[in-house]
Amino acid sequence: MDPKSKAPKSDESKGAGDASGRGYLDGQLLIAMPVMEDERFARSVIYVCAHSSEGAMGIIVNRPAGSIDFPELLVQLDIIDKADQIKLPENAETMKVLKGGPVETGRGFVLHSSDFFIKDATLPIDEGICLTATVDILKAIAKGAGPKHAILALGYAGWAPGQLETEIQGNGWLHCPADPELIFGGNVEEKYDRALHKIGIEPGMLSNDAGHA
């Protein structure tokens, strides 16, 4: 994984895609295998936002951002006054803040349901899931006008061209279709085991020697 790799454009160079231009692993979940040696991604579940011949970009959806909570973040960003924290809508009060990955950790990326859209800012990904990385969506959520489902990730995971394919071939990742519950659901720390269950694997069945003769 290359921290310096850029997030690829969403609609270009889909050489391995189908006739509609879609392809690769857009909208899929990556599930780290026990052989994942990079501690930044051990036991991680990543939603792939863009994947093309130019590289890949995804958001880790199962790693809480420690003591940071969304209302405090809104105050830090001057979106609301501290006194207004108690007036926030429930969606804003309960919104999860996650460590999305090691690239651009000071920047926020909101994965959300497709009932919210900002022209030229929101990227539709797959099956009703979108990505918006502007402060406008945070303002909308604070006002109760944001999407029904959303998570805020600080940073993202990035791969250089061909790098993700190589890691998958090396048994570093499993992948499966995403579902809203795994992206937006509660019990963040349990998402890894739930993702494995989704593809029919019991966590105890995996060993650190997976993929090696």
Protein backbone atom coordinates (compact mmCIF):
# COMPACT_ATOMS: atom_id res chain seq x y z
CA MET A 1 0.00 0.00 0.00
CA ASP A 2 1.44 3.28 -1.10
CA PRO A 3 0.63 6.27 1.15
CA LYS A 4 1.72 8.59 -1.64
CA SER A 5 -0.55 7.12 -4.29
CA LYS A 6 -3.30 9.40 -5.46
CA ALA A 7 -6.99 8.55 -5.37
CA PRO A 8 -7.82 7.53 -8.93
CA LYS A 9 -10.47 9.12 -11.05
CA SER A 10 -13.74 7.24 -10.80
CA ASP A 11 -14.75 6.93 -14.43
CA GLU A 12 -11.60 6.51 -16.48
CA SER A 13 -9.35 3.62 -17.50
CA LYS A 14 -11.82 0.88 -16.59
CA GLY A 15 -10.04 -1.44 -18.97
CA ALA A 16 -11.13 -4.64 -17.23
CA GLY A 17 -14.69 -3.47 -16.73
CA ASP A 18 -17.88 -4.61 -18.36
CA ALA A 19 -19.69 -2.91 -21.23
CA SER A 20 -21.10 -0.27 -18.90
CA GLY A 21 -17.59 0.83 -17.94
CA ARG A 22 -17.88 -0.64 -14.43
CA GLY A 23 -15.39 -3.18 -13.29
CA TYR A 24 -12.62 -4.01 -10.92
CA LEU A 25 -13.71 -3.90 -7.27
CA ASP A 26 -15.66 -0.64 -7.03
CA GLY A 27 -18.34 -1.03 -4.36
CA GLN A 28 -16.81 -4.22 -2.93
CA LEU A 29 -15.48 -4.90 0.55
CA LEU A 30 -11.88 -5.98 1.09
CA ILE A 31 -11.31 -8.19 4.14
CA ALA A 32 -7.74 -8.46 5.41
CA MET A 33 -6.36 -11.97 5.68
CA PRO A 34 -4.24 -13.01 8.70
CA VAL A 35 -1.13 -12.91 6.47
CA MET A 36 -1.53 -9.12 6.19
CA GLU A 37 1.81 -7.96 7.56
CA ASP A 38 1.06 -4.23 7.52
CA GLU A 39 -0.26 -3.39 10.98
CA ARG A 40 -2.17 -0.43 9.57
CA PHE A 41 -4.48 -2.86 7.80
CA ALA A 42 -4.55 -5.93 10.05
CA ARG A 43 -8.16 -7.16 10.59
CA SER A 44 -9.44 -4.28 8.47
CA VAL A 45 -12.57 -4.14 6.35
CA ILE A 46 -12.25 -1.64 3.50
CA TYR A 47 -14.97 -0.32 1.23
CA VAL A 48 -13.49 0.20 -2.24
CA CYS A 49 -14.58 3.59 -3.60
CA ALA A 50 -12.58 3.56 -6.83
CA HIS A 51 -10.51 0.91 -8.58
CA SER A 52 -9.07 1.18 -12.08
CA SER A 53 -5.85 0.71 -14.00
CA GLU A 54 -4.72 3.96 -12.34
CA GLY A 55 -4.86 2.43 -8.85
CA ALA A 56 -7.40 2.10 -6.07
CA MET A 57 -8.84 4.07 -3.18
CA GLY A 58 -10.91 2.81 -0.26
CA ILE A 59 -12.17 3.64 3.21
CA ILE A 60 -11.55 1.45 6.28
CA VAL A 61 -15.00 1.01 7.87
CA ASN A 62 -14.14 -0.87 11.07
CA ARG A 63 -11.54 1.24 12.85
CA PRO A 64 -12.83 3.89 15.32
CA ALA A 65 -10.93 7.18 15.47
CA GLY A 66 -10.32 6.92 19.19
CA SER A 67 -11.66 9.72 21.34
CA ILE A 68 -12.84 11.91 18.45
CA ASP A 69 -16.59 12.28 18.22
CA PHE A 70 -18.61 13.97 15.52
CA PRO A 71 -20.16 16.82 17.56
CA GLU A 72 -16.71 17.86 18.83
CA LEU A 73 -15.37 17.73 15.30
CA LEU A 74 -18.13 20.09 14.13
CA VAL A 75 -17.07 22.55 16.83
CA GLN A 76 -13.38 22.25 15.87
CA LEU A 77 -14.26 22.98 12.23
CA ASP A 78 -16.34 26.01 13.23
CA ILE A 79 -19.45 24.45 11.70
CA ILE A 80 -21.35 24.85 14.96
CA ASP A 81 -20.79 26.74 18.20
CA LYS A 82 -19.95 24.67 21.26
CA ALA A 83 -23.24 25.73 22.85
CA ASP A 84 -25.14 24.20 19.92
CA GLN A 85 -23.83 20.67 20.48
CA ILE A 86 -26.89 19.79 22.55
CA LYS A 87 -29.20 20.87 19.71
CA LEU A 88 -27.78 18.52 17.08
CA PRO A 89 -30.11 16.06 15.34
CA GLU A 90 -29.78 12.41 16.34
CA ASN A 91 -28.00 11.46 13.11
CA ALA A 92 -25.24 13.94 13.93
CA GLU A 93 -24.98 12.97 17.60
CA THR A 94 -24.54 9.28 16.79
CA MET A 95 -22.46 9.56 13.61
CA LYS A 96 -19.32 7.45 13.76
CA VAL A 97 -15.87 8.90 13.15
CA LEU A 98 -13.44 6.32 11.80
CA LYS A 99 -9.78 6.04 10.80
CA GLY A 100 -10.30 5.67 7.07
CA GLY A 101 -6.67 4.97 6.19
CA PRO A 102 -3.12 6.35 6.32
CA VAL A 103 -3.40 8.80 3.40
CA GLU A 104 -4.52 12.41 4.03
CA THR A 105 -5.47 11.67 7.63
CA GLY A 106 -6.36 15.31 8.24
CA ARG A 107 -9.10 15.20 5.62
CA GLY A 108 -12.63 13.92 6.12
CA PHE A 109 -14.39 11.54 3.73
CA VAL A 110 -18.09 10.82 4.22
CA LEU A 111 -19.50 7.51 2.97
CA HIS A 112 -23.27 7.88 2.85
CA SER A 113 -26.57 6.71 1.45
CA SER A 114 -27.62 8.09 -1.92
CA ASP A 115 -30.50 10.16 -0.55
CA PHE A 116 -28.04 13.07 -0.37
CA PHE A 117 -26.14 14.50 -3.32
CA ILE A 118 -24.05 17.61 -3.98
CA LYS A 119 -23.44 18.36 -7.65
CA ASP A 120 -19.77 18.16 -8.65
CA ALA A 121 -18.83 16.99 -5.14
CA THR A 122 -20.61 13.68 -4.51
CA LEU A 123 -19.26 10.53 -6.15
CA PRO A 124 -21.87 7.77 -6.66
CA ILE A 125 -20.12 4.45 -6.14
CA ASP A 126 -22.47 1.47 -6.11
CA GLU A 127 -25.87 0.24 -4.94
CA GLY A 128 -26.97 3.42 -3.24
CA ILE A 129 -23.58 4.27 -1.67
CA CYS A 130 -21.88 7.61 -2.32
CA LEU A 131 -18.73 9.44 -1.21
CA THR A 132 -18.55 13.17 -0.46
CA ALA A 133 -15.39 14.88 0.81
CA THR A 134 -16.47 18.51 1.20
CA VAL A 135 -17.41 20.39 4.35
CA ASP A 136 -20.88 21.06 2.90
CA ILE A 137 -22.08 17.57 3.77
CA LEU A 138 -20.97 18.06 7.40
CA LYS A 139 -22.94 21.30 7.54
CA ALA A 140 -26.00 19.52 6.13
CA ILE A 141 -25.75 16.72 8.69
CA ALA A 142 -25.44 19.28 11.50
CA LYS A 143 -28.68 20.90 10.29
CA GLY A 144 -30.53 17.60 10.00
CA ALA A 145 -30.57 17.85 6.20
CA GLY A 146 -27.89 15.25 5.48
CA PRO A 147 -28.13 11.61 4.35
CA LYS A 148 -30.05 9.05 6.38
CA HIS A 149 -26.95 6.86 6.76
CA ALA A 150 -23.37 8.11 6.92
CA ILE A 151 -19.95 7.55 8.46
CA LEU A 152 -17.09 10.05 8.57
CA ALA A 153 -13.63 8.67 7.86
CA LEU A 154 -10.40 10.56 8.49
CA GLY A 155 -8.01 9.61 5.71
CA TYR A 156 -8.21 6.84 3.15
CA ALA A 157 -6.31 3.80 1.88
CA GLY A 158 -4.59 4.08 -1.50
CA TRP A 159 -2.92 1.65 -3.89
CA ALA A 160 -0.65 2.35 -6.84
CA PRO A 161 -1.54 0.86 -10.27
CA GLY A 162 -1.63 -2.94 -10.06
CA GLN A 163 -0.74 -2.98 -6.38
CA LEU A 164 -4.11 -4.12 -5.04
CA GLU A 165 -4.29 -6.91 -7.62
CA THR A 166 -0.86 -8.11 -6.51
CA GLU A 167 -1.87 -8.06 -2.83
CA ILE A 168 -5.04 -10.05 -3.58
CA GLN A 169 -3.07 -12.62 -5.59
CA GLY A 170 -0.73 -12.91 -2.60
CA ASN A 171 -3.71 -13.80 -0.38
CA GLY A 172 -3.55 -10.48 1.45
CA TRP A 173 -7.24 -9.75 0.90
CA LEU A 174 -10.54 -11.49 0.41
CA HIS A 175 -13.33 -9.51 -1.21
CA CYS A 176 -17.10 -9.69 -1.25
CA PRO A 177 -20.11 -7.53 -2.15
CA ALA A 178 -20.76 -4.73 0.32
CA ASP A 179 -23.98 -4.17 2.19
CA PRO A 180 -25.18 -1.09 4.09
CA GLU A 181 -25.15 -2.86 7.46
CA LEU A 182 -21.43 -3.63 7.19
CA ILE A 183 -20.68 -0.06 6.15
CA PHE A 184 -23.01 1.93 8.39
CA GLY A 185 -23.99 -0.54 11.13
CA GLY A 186 -23.10 -0.31 14.79
CA ASN A 187 -20.62 -2.43 16.76
CA VAL A 188 -17.75 -1.25 14.60
CA GLU A 189 -15.25 -3.59 16.27
CA GLU A 190 -17.38 -6.61 15.23
CA LYS A 191 -17.48 -5.76 11.53
CA TYR A 192 -14.43 -7.88 10.70
CA ASP A 193 -16.00 -11.07 12.01
CA ARG A 194 -19.35 -10.14 10.45
CA ALA A 195 -17.69 -9.62 7.07
CA LEU A 196 -16.07 -13.06 7.29
CA HIS A 197 -19.43 -14.61 8.22
CA LYS A 198 -20.95 -12.93 5.15
CA ILE A 199 -18.68 -14.97 2.88
CA GLY A 200 -19.13 -18.14 4.90
CA ILE A 201 -15.88 -18.15 6.85
CA GLU A 202 -15.58 -18.67 10.59
CA PRO A 203 -12.77 -16.44 11.94
CA GLY A 204 -11.20 -19.41 13.72
CA MET A 205 -10.82 -21.24 10.40
CA LEU A 206 -8.25 -18.73 9.19
CA SER A 207 -4.61 -19.23 10.10
CA ASN A 208 -1.55 -17.10 9.63
CA ASP A 209 -0.33 -19.62 7.10
CA ALA A 210 -3.25 -19.06 4.73
CA GLY A 211 -2.18 -19.22 1.13
CA HIS A 212 1.21 -20.79 1.79
CA ALA A 213 2.12 -24.38 0.92
